[in-house]
């Protein structure tokens, strides 16, 4: 979590000053630095639909500079998210909880249905993320080559396929693929068959 550069004060109402709404976090931070402001006000007020609007505000020369918080808890988090291409607070905080560094990494993991950094790293390291689409296409185009005891629909993410292959003794995707499309789903049987001269 980013170290707080600013102090925050929660306020109930917006004071009656002229105000400028800043379009994005980068512009807001630039102004804060320009004016060397250290205290940021936070407020919540209902909008027309009676939903809460959360804002970051600072006062300088009788003008309120305002930024919609977009549900970020602090400017530091908002800035951090923007720098790492996160489009919203929800994905940023979920990724932060799982120690996921970038939005691209978060999207890849999210596609698997499991937000687990360790499983993602393992599947990526063993080649299952990069090869997964190729594997699916090959299964689709070569249904007769799929081992009888394997249902591709049960392994509908790179992580699930990786967990299966590693549990069957394969060291990575390429090791698994070599045996799989010859009809083998475990390394020991495949190696045994090879020593006895069987290909399938």
N, C-alpha and C. Protein backbone atom coordinates (compact mmCIF):
# COMPACT_ATOMS: atom_id res chain seq x y z
N UNK A 1 0.84 -1.20 0.00
CA UNK A 1 0.00 0.00 0.00
C UNK A 1 0.88 1.24 0.00
N UNK A 2 0.50 2.23 -0.80
CA UNK A 2 1.29 3.44 -0.92
C UNK A 2 1.31 4.22 0.39
N UNK A 3 2.47 4.82 0.68
CA UNK A 3 2.60 5.66 1.86
C UNK A 3 1.85 6.97 1.61
N UNK A 4 1.08 7.44 2.60
CA UNK A 4 0.28 8.65 2.40
C UNK A 4 1.15 9.91 2.37
N UNK A 5 1.04 10.66 1.27
CA UNK A 5 1.76 11.93 1.15
C UNK A 5 0.91 13.08 1.70
N UNK A 6 -0.38 12.81 1.85
CA UNK A 6 -1.30 13.88 2.25
C UNK A 6 -2.03 13.50 3.54
N UNK A 7 -2.47 14.53 4.24
CA UNK A 7 -3.35 14.29 5.39
C UNK A 7 -4.77 14.51 4.91
N UNK A 8 -5.69 13.70 5.45
CA UNK A 8 -7.07 13.76 4.99
C UNK A 8 -7.97 14.23 6.14
N UNK A 9 -8.91 15.11 5.79
CA UNK A 9 -9.90 15.58 6.75
C UNK A 9 -11.26 15.35 6.12
N UNK A 10 -12.14 14.60 6.82
CA UNK A 10 -13.48 14.36 6.30
C UNK A 10 -14.37 15.54 6.66
N UNK A 11 -15.11 16.03 5.67
CA UNK A 11 -16.05 17.13 5.94
C UNK A 11 -17.46 16.71 5.52
N UNK A 12 -18.46 17.33 6.14
CA UNK A 12 -19.85 16.95 5.84
C UNK A 12 -20.42 17.73 4.67
N UNK A 13 -20.12 19.03 4.58
CA UNK A 13 -20.68 19.86 3.52
C UNK A 13 -19.57 20.52 2.74
N UNK A 14 -19.88 20.85 1.49
CA UNK A 14 -18.91 21.63 0.73
C UNK A 14 -19.05 23.10 1.12
N UNK A 15 -17.95 23.73 1.49
CA UNK A 15 -18.04 25.17 1.82
C UNK A 15 -18.46 25.96 0.57
N UNK A 16 -19.04 27.15 0.79
CA UNK A 16 -19.52 27.95 -0.34
C UNK A 16 -18.40 28.81 -0.92
N UNK A 17 -17.58 28.18 -1.70
CA UNK A 17 -16.54 28.88 -2.44
C UNK A 17 -16.73 28.56 -3.91
N UNK A 18 -16.10 29.37 -4.75
CA UNK A 18 -16.07 29.00 -6.17
C UNK A 18 -15.34 27.66 -6.26
N UNK A 19 -15.75 26.84 -7.22
CA UNK A 19 -15.05 25.56 -7.31
C UNK A 19 -14.71 25.20 -8.74
N UNK A 20 -13.64 24.46 -8.88
CA UNK A 20 -13.21 23.92 -10.17
C UNK A 20 -13.15 22.42 -10.06
N UNK A 21 -13.83 21.71 -10.97
CA UNK A 21 -13.76 20.25 -10.97
C UNK A 21 -12.62 19.84 -11.90
N UNK A 22 -11.69 19.07 -11.35
CA UNK A 22 -10.53 18.63 -12.12
C UNK A 22 -10.88 17.31 -12.81
N UNK A 23 -10.47 17.16 -14.07
CA UNK A 23 -10.91 16.03 -14.89
C UNK A 23 -10.27 14.71 -14.51
N UNK A 24 -9.01 14.74 -14.05
CA UNK A 24 -8.35 13.46 -13.77
C UNK A 24 -7.35 13.57 -12.62
N UNK A 25 -6.93 12.43 -12.15
CA UNK A 25 -6.04 12.35 -10.98
C UNK A 25 -4.70 13.04 -11.25
N UNK A 26 -4.17 12.89 -12.47
CA UNK A 26 -2.86 13.48 -12.77
C UNK A 26 -2.91 15.01 -12.64
N UNK A 27 -3.98 15.61 -13.17
CA UNK A 27 -4.13 17.06 -13.07
C UNK A 27 -4.30 17.52 -11.63
N UNK A 28 -5.06 16.75 -10.86
CA UNK A 28 -5.31 17.09 -9.45
C UNK A 28 -4.00 17.06 -8.65
N UNK A 29 -3.20 16.00 -8.86
CA UNK A 29 -1.92 15.86 -8.16
C UNK A 29 -0.98 17.00 -8.55
N UNK A 30 -0.98 17.34 -9.84
CA UNK A 30 -0.12 18.43 -10.32
C UNK A 30 -0.45 19.74 -9.60
N UNK A 31 -1.75 20.01 -9.45
CA UNK A 31 -2.16 21.23 -8.74
C UNK A 31 -1.78 21.19 -7.26
N UNK A 32 -2.00 20.02 -6.64
CA UNK A 32 -1.62 19.87 -5.23
C UNK A 32 -0.13 20.18 -5.03
N UNK A 33 0.69 19.65 -5.95
CA UNK A 33 2.13 19.88 -5.84
C UNK A 33 2.48 21.34 -6.12
N UNK A 34 1.82 21.91 -7.11
CA UNK A 34 2.05 23.31 -7.47
C UNK A 34 1.77 24.23 -6.27
N UNK A 35 0.65 23.96 -5.59
CA UNK A 35 0.28 24.80 -4.44
C UNK A 35 0.89 24.31 -3.12
N UNK A 36 1.63 23.21 -3.20
CA UNK A 36 2.25 22.58 -2.02
C UNK A 36 1.23 22.31 -0.91
N UNK A 37 0.06 21.85 -1.33
CA UNK A 37 -1.01 21.54 -0.37
C UNK A 37 -0.73 20.19 0.27
N UNK A 38 -0.93 20.10 1.56
CA UNK A 38 -0.69 18.84 2.28
C UNK A 38 -1.98 18.27 2.87
N UNK A 39 -3.01 19.12 2.99
CA UNK A 39 -4.26 18.66 3.58
C UNK A 39 -5.32 18.57 2.49
N UNK A 40 -5.92 17.38 2.39
CA UNK A 40 -6.97 17.14 1.40
C UNK A 40 -8.27 16.86 2.15
N UNK A 41 -9.34 17.50 1.71
CA UNK A 41 -10.65 17.29 2.31
C UNK A 41 -11.36 16.17 1.55
N UNK A 42 -12.12 15.37 2.31
CA UNK A 42 -12.93 14.31 1.67
C UNK A 42 -14.38 14.56 2.04
N UNK A 43 -15.25 14.39 1.07
CA UNK A 43 -16.67 14.59 1.35
C UNK A 43 -17.53 13.58 0.62
N UNK A 44 -18.72 13.34 1.15
CA UNK A 44 -19.72 12.51 0.48
C UNK A 44 -21.00 13.30 0.45
N UNK A 45 -21.64 13.34 -0.71
CA UNK A 45 -22.96 13.99 -0.76
C UNK A 45 -23.83 13.27 -1.78
N UNK A 46 -25.14 13.20 -1.52
CA UNK A 46 -26.02 12.52 -2.48
C UNK A 46 -26.15 13.33 -3.76
N UNK A 47 -26.15 12.64 -4.91
CA UNK A 47 -26.39 13.35 -6.17
C UNK A 47 -27.88 13.25 -6.53
N UNK A 48 -28.22 13.56 -7.77
CA UNK A 48 -29.63 13.60 -8.19
C UNK A 48 -30.31 12.25 -7.97
N UNK A 49 -29.59 11.14 -8.25
CA UNK A 49 -30.18 9.80 -8.08
C UNK A 49 -30.09 9.31 -6.64
N UNK A 50 -29.71 10.20 -5.75
CA UNK A 50 -29.57 9.87 -4.32
C UNK A 50 -28.44 8.87 -4.04
N UNK A 51 -27.48 8.79 -4.98
CA UNK A 51 -26.30 7.97 -4.75
C UNK A 51 -25.23 8.86 -4.15
N UNK A 52 -24.27 8.24 -3.46
CA UNK A 52 -23.21 9.02 -2.84
C UNK A 52 -22.17 9.45 -3.87
N UNK A 53 -21.75 10.71 -3.78
CA UNK A 53 -20.61 11.17 -4.58
C UNK A 53 -19.48 11.41 -3.59
N UNK A 54 -18.38 10.74 -3.79
CA UNK A 54 -17.22 10.95 -2.93
C UNK A 54 -16.24 11.84 -3.67
N UNK A 55 -15.73 12.84 -2.97
CA UNK A 55 -14.81 13.77 -3.62
C UNK A 55 -13.57 14.01 -2.77
N UNK A 56 -12.47 14.28 -3.47
CA UNK A 56 -11.28 14.84 -2.83
C UNK A 56 -11.29 16.33 -3.17
N UNK A 57 -10.99 17.16 -2.18
CA UNK A 57 -11.08 18.61 -2.38
C UNK A 57 -9.89 19.27 -1.67
N UNK A 58 -9.36 20.33 -2.26
CA UNK A 58 -8.47 21.19 -1.48
C UNK A 58 -8.79 22.64 -1.81
N UNK A 59 -8.49 23.51 -0.87
CA UNK A 59 -8.85 24.92 -0.97
C UNK A 59 -7.58 25.74 -1.16
N UNK A 60 -7.61 26.59 -2.17
CA UNK A 60 -6.45 27.46 -2.43
C UNK A 60 -6.97 28.77 -3.00
N UNK A 61 -6.58 29.90 -2.38
CA UNK A 61 -7.00 31.23 -2.85
C UNK A 61 -8.51 31.34 -3.05
N UNK A 62 -9.27 30.86 -2.06
CA UNK A 62 -10.73 30.95 -2.09
C UNK A 62 -11.38 30.12 -3.21
N UNK A 63 -10.63 29.19 -3.76
CA UNK A 63 -11.19 28.30 -4.80
C UNK A 63 -11.06 26.86 -4.33
N UNK A 64 -12.18 26.13 -4.46
CA UNK A 64 -12.15 24.69 -4.15
C UNK A 64 -11.78 23.92 -5.42
N UNK A 65 -10.74 23.13 -5.31
CA UNK A 65 -10.36 22.24 -6.41
C UNK A 65 -10.90 20.87 -6.06
N UNK A 66 -11.71 20.29 -6.95
CA UNK A 66 -12.42 19.04 -6.61
C UNK A 66 -12.10 17.93 -7.62
N UNK A 67 -12.11 16.71 -7.09
CA UNK A 67 -11.90 15.54 -7.94
C UNK A 67 -12.82 14.43 -7.43
N UNK A 68 -13.59 13.84 -8.34
CA UNK A 68 -14.42 12.68 -7.96
C UNK A 68 -13.48 11.56 -7.53
N UNK A 69 -13.73 10.96 -6.37
CA UNK A 69 -12.81 9.95 -5.85
C UNK A 69 -12.90 8.62 -6.60
N UNK A 70 -14.00 8.42 -7.36
CA UNK A 70 -14.21 7.14 -8.07
C UNK A 70 -14.01 5.94 -7.15
N UNK A 71 -14.40 6.10 -5.89
CA UNK A 71 -14.34 5.04 -4.87
C UNK A 71 -12.93 4.67 -4.40
N UNK A 72 -11.93 5.48 -4.74
CA UNK A 72 -10.60 5.25 -4.17
C UNK A 72 -10.56 5.83 -2.76
N UNK A 73 -9.85 5.12 -1.88
CA UNK A 73 -9.80 5.54 -0.47
C UNK A 73 -8.85 6.70 -0.26
N UNK A 74 -7.85 6.80 -1.12
CA UNK A 74 -6.88 7.90 -0.98
C UNK A 74 -6.38 8.30 -2.36
N UNK A 75 -5.79 9.49 -2.42
CA UNK A 75 -5.20 9.95 -3.68
C UNK A 75 -4.01 9.08 -4.07
N UNK A 76 -3.29 8.61 -3.04
CA UNK A 76 -2.13 7.75 -3.32
C UNK A 76 -2.56 6.49 -4.05
N UNK A 77 -3.67 5.88 -3.59
CA UNK A 77 -4.19 4.68 -4.25
C UNK A 77 -4.66 5.01 -5.68
N UNK A 78 -5.35 6.13 -5.80
CA UNK A 78 -5.89 6.55 -7.10
C UNK A 78 -4.75 6.75 -8.10
N UNK A 79 -3.69 7.43 -7.64
CA UNK A 79 -2.54 7.70 -8.51
C UNK A 79 -1.82 6.39 -8.86
N UNK A 80 -1.65 5.53 -7.88
CA UNK A 80 -1.01 4.23 -8.08
C UNK A 80 -1.78 3.41 -9.12
N UNK A 81 -3.11 3.40 -8.99
CA UNK A 81 -3.97 2.66 -9.93
C UNK A 81 -3.82 3.22 -11.34
N UNK A 82 -3.81 4.55 -11.46
CA UNK A 82 -3.68 5.19 -12.79
C UNK A 82 -2.33 4.84 -13.42
N UNK A 83 -1.28 4.83 -12.61
CA UNK A 83 0.06 4.51 -13.12
C UNK A 83 0.18 3.07 -13.57
N UNK A 84 -0.69 2.18 -13.01
CA UNK A 84 -0.62 0.77 -13.38
C UNK A 84 -1.80 0.35 -14.27
N UNK A 85 -2.46 1.38 -14.84
CA UNK A 85 -3.53 1.18 -15.84
C UNK A 85 -4.80 0.53 -15.31
N UNK A 86 -5.04 0.59 -14.00
CA UNK A 86 -6.31 0.07 -13.48
C UNK A 86 -7.41 1.08 -13.78
N UNK A 87 -8.54 0.63 -14.37
CA UNK A 87 -9.58 1.58 -14.75
C UNK A 87 -10.52 1.97 -13.62
N UNK A 88 -10.52 1.18 -12.52
CA UNK A 88 -11.45 1.48 -11.42
C UNK A 88 -10.91 0.98 -10.09
N UNK A 89 -11.54 1.46 -9.02
CA UNK A 89 -11.10 1.13 -7.66
C UNK A 89 -11.33 -0.34 -7.34
N UNK A 90 -12.44 -0.88 -7.83
CA UNK A 90 -12.78 -2.27 -7.49
C UNK A 90 -11.69 -3.24 -7.94
N UNK A 91 -11.29 -3.12 -9.21
CA UNK A 91 -10.25 -4.03 -9.73
C UNK A 91 -8.91 -3.76 -9.05
N UNK A 92 -8.62 -2.48 -8.76
CA UNK A 92 -7.35 -2.12 -8.11
C UNK A 92 -7.24 -2.76 -6.73
N UNK A 93 -8.31 -2.63 -5.91
CA UNK A 93 -8.24 -3.17 -4.54
C UNK A 93 -8.27 -4.70 -4.53
N UNK A 94 -8.99 -5.29 -5.48
CA UNK A 94 -9.01 -6.75 -5.56
C UNK A 94 -7.61 -7.27 -5.94
N UNK A 95 -6.98 -6.59 -6.89
CA UNK A 95 -5.63 -6.98 -7.32
C UNK A 95 -4.64 -6.78 -6.18
N UNK A 96 -4.80 -5.69 -5.46
CA UNK A 96 -3.90 -5.38 -4.34
C UNK A 96 -3.96 -6.47 -3.27
N UNK A 97 -5.17 -6.94 -2.99
CA UNK A 97 -5.35 -8.01 -1.98
C UNK A 97 -4.65 -9.29 -2.40
N UNK A 98 -4.62 -9.55 -3.71
CA UNK A 98 -4.00 -10.78 -4.21
C UNK A 98 -2.54 -10.57 -4.63
N UNK A 99 -1.97 -9.38 -4.31
CA UNK A 99 -0.58 -9.04 -4.66
C UNK A 99 -0.32 -9.10 -6.17
N UNK A 100 -1.31 -8.66 -6.95
CA UNK A 100 -1.17 -8.64 -8.40
C UNK A 100 -0.70 -7.25 -8.81
N UNK A 101 0.35 -7.20 -9.63
CA UNK A 101 1.00 -5.92 -9.91
C UNK A 101 0.34 -5.04 -10.95
N UNK A 102 -0.08 -5.61 -12.08
CA UNK A 102 -0.57 -4.76 -13.17
C UNK A 102 -1.99 -5.15 -13.58
N UNK A 103 -2.63 -4.24 -14.31
CA UNK A 103 -3.99 -4.51 -14.75
C UNK A 103 -4.03 -5.65 -15.76
N UNK A 104 -3.01 -5.72 -16.62
CA UNK A 104 -2.96 -6.81 -17.61
C UNK A 104 -2.89 -8.16 -16.90
N UNK A 105 -2.03 -8.23 -15.89
CA UNK A 105 -1.89 -9.46 -15.10
C UNK A 105 -3.22 -9.79 -14.42
N UNK A 106 -3.86 -8.76 -13.87
CA UNK A 106 -5.16 -8.92 -13.21
C UNK A 106 -6.20 -9.48 -14.19
N UNK A 107 -6.23 -8.93 -15.42
CA UNK A 107 -7.19 -9.41 -16.43
C UNK A 107 -6.94 -10.88 -16.78
N UNK A 108 -5.66 -11.22 -16.95
CA UNK A 108 -5.31 -12.62 -17.27
C UNK A 108 -5.79 -13.56 -16.18
N UNK A 109 -5.55 -13.16 -14.94
CA UNK A 109 -5.94 -14.00 -13.80
C UNK A 109 -7.46 -14.06 -13.69
N UNK A 110 -8.10 -12.93 -13.88
CA UNK A 110 -9.56 -12.84 -13.75
C UNK A 110 -10.26 -13.76 -14.76
N UNK A 111 -9.67 -13.86 -15.97
CA UNK A 111 -10.24 -14.72 -17.01
C UNK A 111 -10.33 -16.17 -16.55
N UNK A 112 -9.43 -16.55 -15.65
CA UNK A 112 -9.41 -17.94 -15.18
C UNK A 112 -10.49 -18.20 -14.14
N UNK A 113 -11.09 -17.12 -13.63
CA UNK A 113 -12.12 -17.29 -12.61
C UNK A 113 -11.56 -17.42 -11.21
N UNK A 114 -10.21 -17.41 -11.11
CA UNK A 114 -9.57 -17.55 -9.79
C UNK A 114 -8.60 -16.39 -9.64
N UNK A 115 -8.81 -15.55 -8.64
CA UNK A 115 -7.86 -14.45 -8.44
C UNK A 115 -6.81 -14.93 -7.44
N UNK A 116 -5.80 -15.62 -7.96
CA UNK A 116 -4.75 -16.18 -7.11
C UNK A 116 -3.41 -16.01 -7.82
N UNK A 117 -2.62 -15.09 -7.31
CA UNK A 117 -1.35 -14.74 -7.95
C UNK A 117 -0.41 -15.95 -8.07
N UNK A 118 -0.33 -16.76 -7.02
CA UNK A 118 0.61 -17.89 -7.03
C UNK A 118 0.26 -18.89 -8.12
N UNK A 119 -1.03 -19.21 -8.23
CA UNK A 119 -1.46 -20.16 -9.27
C UNK A 119 -1.21 -19.59 -10.66
N UNK A 120 -1.43 -18.29 -10.80
CA UNK A 120 -1.19 -17.61 -12.08
C UNK A 120 0.29 -17.70 -12.46
N UNK A 121 1.16 -17.37 -11.51
CA UNK A 121 2.61 -17.38 -11.77
C UNK A 121 3.07 -18.79 -12.15
N UNK A 122 2.53 -19.79 -11.43
CA UNK A 122 2.91 -21.18 -11.70
C UNK A 122 2.48 -21.58 -13.12
N UNK A 123 1.24 -21.28 -13.49
CA UNK A 123 0.74 -21.65 -14.82
C UNK A 123 1.49 -20.90 -15.92
N UNK A 124 1.87 -19.67 -15.64
CA UNK A 124 2.61 -18.87 -16.61
C UNK A 124 4.03 -19.42 -16.78
N UNK A 125 4.67 -19.71 -15.65
CA UNK A 125 6.05 -20.22 -15.65
C UNK A 125 6.16 -21.55 -16.40
N UNK A 126 5.13 -22.38 -16.30
CA UNK A 126 5.17 -23.70 -16.94
C UNK A 126 4.58 -23.69 -18.36
N UNK A 127 4.31 -22.49 -18.89
CA UNK A 127 3.90 -22.37 -20.30
C UNK A 127 2.43 -22.55 -20.60
N UNK A 128 1.59 -22.72 -19.57
CA UNK A 128 0.18 -23.02 -19.83
C UNK A 128 -0.62 -21.79 -20.28
N UNK A 129 -0.23 -20.60 -19.81
CA UNK A 129 -0.96 -19.40 -20.23
C UNK A 129 -0.75 -19.12 -21.71
N UNK A 130 0.52 -19.15 -22.14
CA UNK A 130 0.81 -18.81 -23.54
C UNK A 130 0.28 -19.87 -24.51
N UNK A 131 0.25 -21.13 -24.08
CA UNK A 131 -0.12 -22.22 -24.99
C UNK A 131 -1.59 -22.62 -24.91
N UNK A 132 -2.34 -22.04 -23.98
CA UNK A 132 -3.70 -22.52 -23.71
C UNK A 132 -4.63 -22.44 -24.93
N UNK A 133 -4.61 -21.30 -25.63
CA UNK A 133 -5.50 -21.15 -26.80
C UNK A 133 -5.15 -22.17 -27.89
N UNK A 134 -3.85 -22.39 -28.08
CA UNK A 134 -3.39 -23.38 -29.06
C UNK A 134 -3.88 -24.78 -28.66
N UNK A 135 -3.81 -25.07 -27.36
CA UNK A 135 -4.26 -26.37 -26.84
C UNK A 135 -5.76 -26.57 -27.13
N UNK A 136 -6.56 -25.53 -26.84
CA UNK A 136 -8.01 -25.60 -27.08
C UNK A 136 -8.31 -25.84 -28.56
N UNK A 137 -7.62 -25.08 -29.43
CA UNK A 137 -7.83 -25.24 -30.88
C UNK A 137 -7.47 -26.65 -31.33
N UNK A 138 -6.36 -27.15 -30.81
CA UNK A 138 -5.90 -28.49 -31.22
C UNK A 138 -6.90 -29.56 -30.77
N UNK A 139 -7.45 -29.38 -29.57
CA UNK A 139 -8.47 -30.33 -29.08
C UNK A 139 -9.71 -30.28 -29.97
N UNK A 140 -10.10 -29.06 -30.34
CA UNK A 140 -11.30 -28.85 -31.16
C UNK A 140 -11.12 -29.48 -32.54
N UNK A 141 -9.92 -29.33 -33.10
CA UNK A 141 -9.67 -29.80 -34.47
C UNK A 141 -9.22 -31.26 -34.55
N UNK A 142 -8.86 -31.84 -33.39
CA UNK A 142 -8.36 -33.23 -33.39
C UNK A 142 -9.03 -34.03 -32.27
N UNK A 143 -10.35 -34.09 -32.32
CA UNK A 143 -11.10 -34.73 -31.23
C UNK A 143 -10.73 -36.20 -31.03
N UNK A 144 -10.32 -36.86 -32.11
CA UNK A 144 -9.97 -38.29 -32.00
C UNK A 144 -8.66 -38.51 -31.24
N UNK A 145 -7.83 -37.46 -31.15
CA UNK A 145 -6.54 -37.58 -30.45
C UNK A 145 -6.66 -37.37 -28.94
N UNK A 146 -7.81 -36.84 -28.49
CA UNK A 146 -7.98 -36.56 -27.05
C UNK A 146 -8.10 -37.89 -26.30
N UNK A 147 -7.30 -38.07 -25.24
CA UNK A 147 -7.42 -39.32 -24.46
C UNK A 147 -8.84 -39.54 -23.97
N UNK A 148 -9.26 -40.81 -23.97
CA UNK A 148 -10.65 -41.17 -23.62
C UNK A 148 -11.06 -40.69 -22.22
N UNK A 149 -10.11 -40.71 -21.28
CA UNK A 149 -10.45 -40.36 -19.89
C UNK A 149 -10.30 -38.87 -19.59
N UNK A 150 -10.24 -38.03 -20.64
CA UNK A 150 -10.03 -36.59 -20.45
C UNK A 150 -11.17 -35.81 -21.09
N UNK A 151 -11.80 -34.93 -20.29
CA UNK A 151 -12.87 -34.08 -20.80
C UNK A 151 -12.37 -32.63 -20.83
N UNK A 152 -12.05 -32.09 -22.02
CA UNK A 152 -11.51 -30.72 -22.10
C UNK A 152 -12.38 -29.67 -21.41
N UNK A 153 -13.69 -29.88 -21.40
CA UNK A 153 -14.60 -28.90 -20.79
C UNK A 153 -14.34 -28.73 -19.29
N UNK A 154 -13.78 -29.76 -18.65
CA UNK A 154 -13.49 -29.66 -17.21
C UNK A 154 -12.24 -28.82 -16.93
N UNK A 155 -11.44 -28.60 -17.96
CA UNK A 155 -10.18 -27.85 -17.80
C UNK A 155 -10.24 -26.60 -18.65
N UNK A 156 -11.20 -25.74 -18.31
CA UNK A 156 -11.50 -24.59 -19.16
C UNK A 156 -10.70 -23.34 -18.83
N UNK A 157 -9.61 -23.48 -18.05
CA UNK A 157 -8.71 -22.36 -17.81
C UNK A 157 -7.28 -22.89 -17.82
N UNK A 158 -6.31 -22.01 -18.13
CA UNK A 158 -4.91 -22.43 -18.11
C UNK A 158 -4.49 -22.95 -16.73
N UNK A 159 -5.06 -22.37 -15.68
CA UNK A 159 -4.69 -22.78 -14.32
C UNK A 159 -5.15 -24.20 -14.04
N UNK A 160 -6.39 -24.53 -14.41
CA UNK A 160 -6.91 -25.88 -14.17
C UNK A 160 -6.12 -26.92 -14.98
N UNK A 161 -5.79 -26.56 -16.22
CA UNK A 161 -5.01 -27.48 -17.06
C UNK A 161 -3.61 -27.69 -16.47
N UNK A 162 -3.02 -26.61 -15.99
CA UNK A 162 -1.69 -26.69 -15.37
C UNK A 162 -1.71 -27.59 -14.14
N UNK A 163 -2.71 -27.37 -13.27
CA UNK A 163 -2.82 -28.17 -12.04
C UNK A 163 -2.94 -29.66 -12.40
N UNK A 164 -3.76 -29.96 -13.41
CA UNK A 164 -3.95 -31.35 -13.83
C UNK A 164 -2.63 -31.94 -14.34
N UNK A 165 -1.97 -31.23 -15.26
CA UNK A 165 -0.75 -31.76 -15.89
C UNK A 165 0.37 -31.97 -14.87
N UNK A 166 0.56 -31.00 -13.98
CA UNK A 166 1.64 -31.13 -12.99
C UNK A 166 1.34 -32.27 -12.01
N UNK A 167 0.05 -32.46 -11.70
CA UNK A 167 -0.32 -33.54 -10.77
C UNK A 167 -0.09 -34.91 -11.41
N UNK A 168 -0.01 -34.94 -12.76
CA UNK A 168 0.22 -36.21 -13.47
C UNK A 168 1.70 -36.42 -13.81
N UNK A 169 2.56 -35.57 -13.23
CA UNK A 169 4.00 -35.77 -13.36
C UNK A 169 4.68 -35.04 -14.50
N UNK A 170 3.93 -34.25 -15.27
CA UNK A 170 4.56 -33.50 -16.36
C UNK A 170 5.25 -32.26 -15.82
N UNK A 171 6.38 -31.90 -16.44
CA UNK A 171 7.13 -30.77 -15.87
C UNK A 171 6.69 -29.41 -16.41
N UNK A 172 6.10 -29.38 -17.62
CA UNK A 172 5.59 -28.12 -18.17
C UNK A 172 4.60 -28.44 -19.30
N UNK A 173 4.10 -27.39 -19.95
CA UNK A 173 3.08 -27.60 -20.98
C UNK A 173 3.60 -28.47 -22.12
N UNK A 174 4.84 -28.22 -22.58
CA UNK A 174 5.37 -28.92 -23.75
C UNK A 174 5.56 -30.41 -23.46
N UNK A 175 5.98 -30.70 -22.26
CA UNK A 175 6.13 -32.08 -21.81
C UNK A 175 4.75 -32.78 -21.83
N UNK A 176 3.74 -32.05 -21.34
CA UNK A 176 2.36 -32.55 -21.29
C UNK A 176 1.81 -32.76 -22.71
N UNK A 177 2.01 -31.75 -23.57
CA UNK A 177 1.45 -31.79 -24.93
C UNK A 177 1.98 -33.00 -25.72
N UNK A 178 3.30 -33.25 -25.57
CA UNK A 178 3.94 -34.37 -26.27
C UNK A 178 3.21 -35.68 -26.00
N UNK A 179 2.85 -35.91 -24.75
CA UNK A 179 2.18 -37.16 -24.37
C UNK A 179 0.68 -37.13 -24.66
N UNK A 180 0.07 -35.97 -24.38
CA UNK A 180 -1.39 -35.85 -24.44
C UNK A 180 -1.96 -36.21 -25.81
N UNK A 181 -1.38 -35.66 -26.87
CA UNK A 181 -1.94 -35.90 -28.19
C UNK A 181 -1.53 -37.26 -28.79
N UNK A 182 -0.82 -38.04 -27.97
CA UNK A 182 -0.61 -39.46 -28.31
C UNK A 182 -1.52 -40.34 -27.44
N UNK A 183 -2.40 -39.70 -26.68
CA UNK A 183 -3.39 -40.45 -25.91
C UNK A 183 -3.05 -40.71 -24.45
N UNK A 184 -1.96 -40.09 -23.97
CA UNK A 184 -1.54 -40.32 -22.57
C UNK A 184 -1.86 -39.11 -21.69
N UNK A 185 -2.35 -39.39 -20.49
CA UNK A 185 -2.63 -38.29 -19.56
C UNK A 185 -1.74 -38.35 -18.31
N UNK A 186 -0.82 -39.31 -18.27
CA UNK A 186 0.14 -39.22 -17.16
C UNK A 186 1.54 -39.61 -17.62
N UNK A 187 2.51 -38.98 -17.02
CA UNK A 187 3.91 -39.08 -17.43
C UNK A 187 4.48 -40.49 -17.28
N UNK A 188 4.16 -41.13 -16.19
CA UNK A 188 4.73 -42.46 -15.92
C UNK A 188 4.32 -43.45 -17.01
N UNK A 189 3.02 -43.49 -17.34
CA UNK A 189 2.53 -44.41 -18.38
C UNK A 189 3.15 -44.07 -19.73
N UNK A 190 3.26 -42.78 -20.02
CA UNK A 190 3.84 -42.34 -21.29
C UNK A 190 5.30 -42.80 -21.40
N UNK A 191 6.08 -42.56 -20.33
CA UNK A 191 7.50 -42.97 -20.34
C UNK A 191 7.65 -44.48 -20.45
N UNK A 192 6.77 -45.20 -19.75
CA UNK A 192 6.79 -46.67 -19.77
C UNK A 192 6.50 -47.17 -21.19
N UNK A 193 5.48 -46.59 -21.81
CA UNK A 193 5.09 -46.99 -23.18
C UNK A 193 6.24 -46.74 -24.15
N UNK A 194 6.92 -45.60 -23.98
CA UNK A 194 8.04 -45.27 -24.88
C UNK A 194 9.16 -46.31 -24.76
N UNK A 195 9.47 -46.71 -23.51
CA UNK A 195 10.56 -47.69 -23.31
C UNK A 195 10.20 -49.04 -23.92
N UNK A 196 8.89 -49.32 -24.00
CA UNK A 196 8.46 -50.59 -24.60
C UNK A 196 8.20 -50.46 -26.10
N UNK A 197 8.47 -49.26 -26.64
CA UNK A 197 8.33 -49.07 -28.08
C UNK A 197 6.97 -48.67 -28.58
N UNK A 198 6.05 -48.31 -27.64
CA UNK A 198 4.71 -47.89 -28.07
C UNK A 198 4.69 -46.37 -28.25
N UNK A 199 4.02 -45.93 -29.30
CA UNK A 199 3.87 -44.49 -29.52
C UNK A 199 2.55 -44.01 -28.97
N UNK A 200 1.48 -44.81 -29.14
CA UNK A 200 0.13 -44.39 -28.70
C UNK A 200 -0.30 -45.18 -27.50
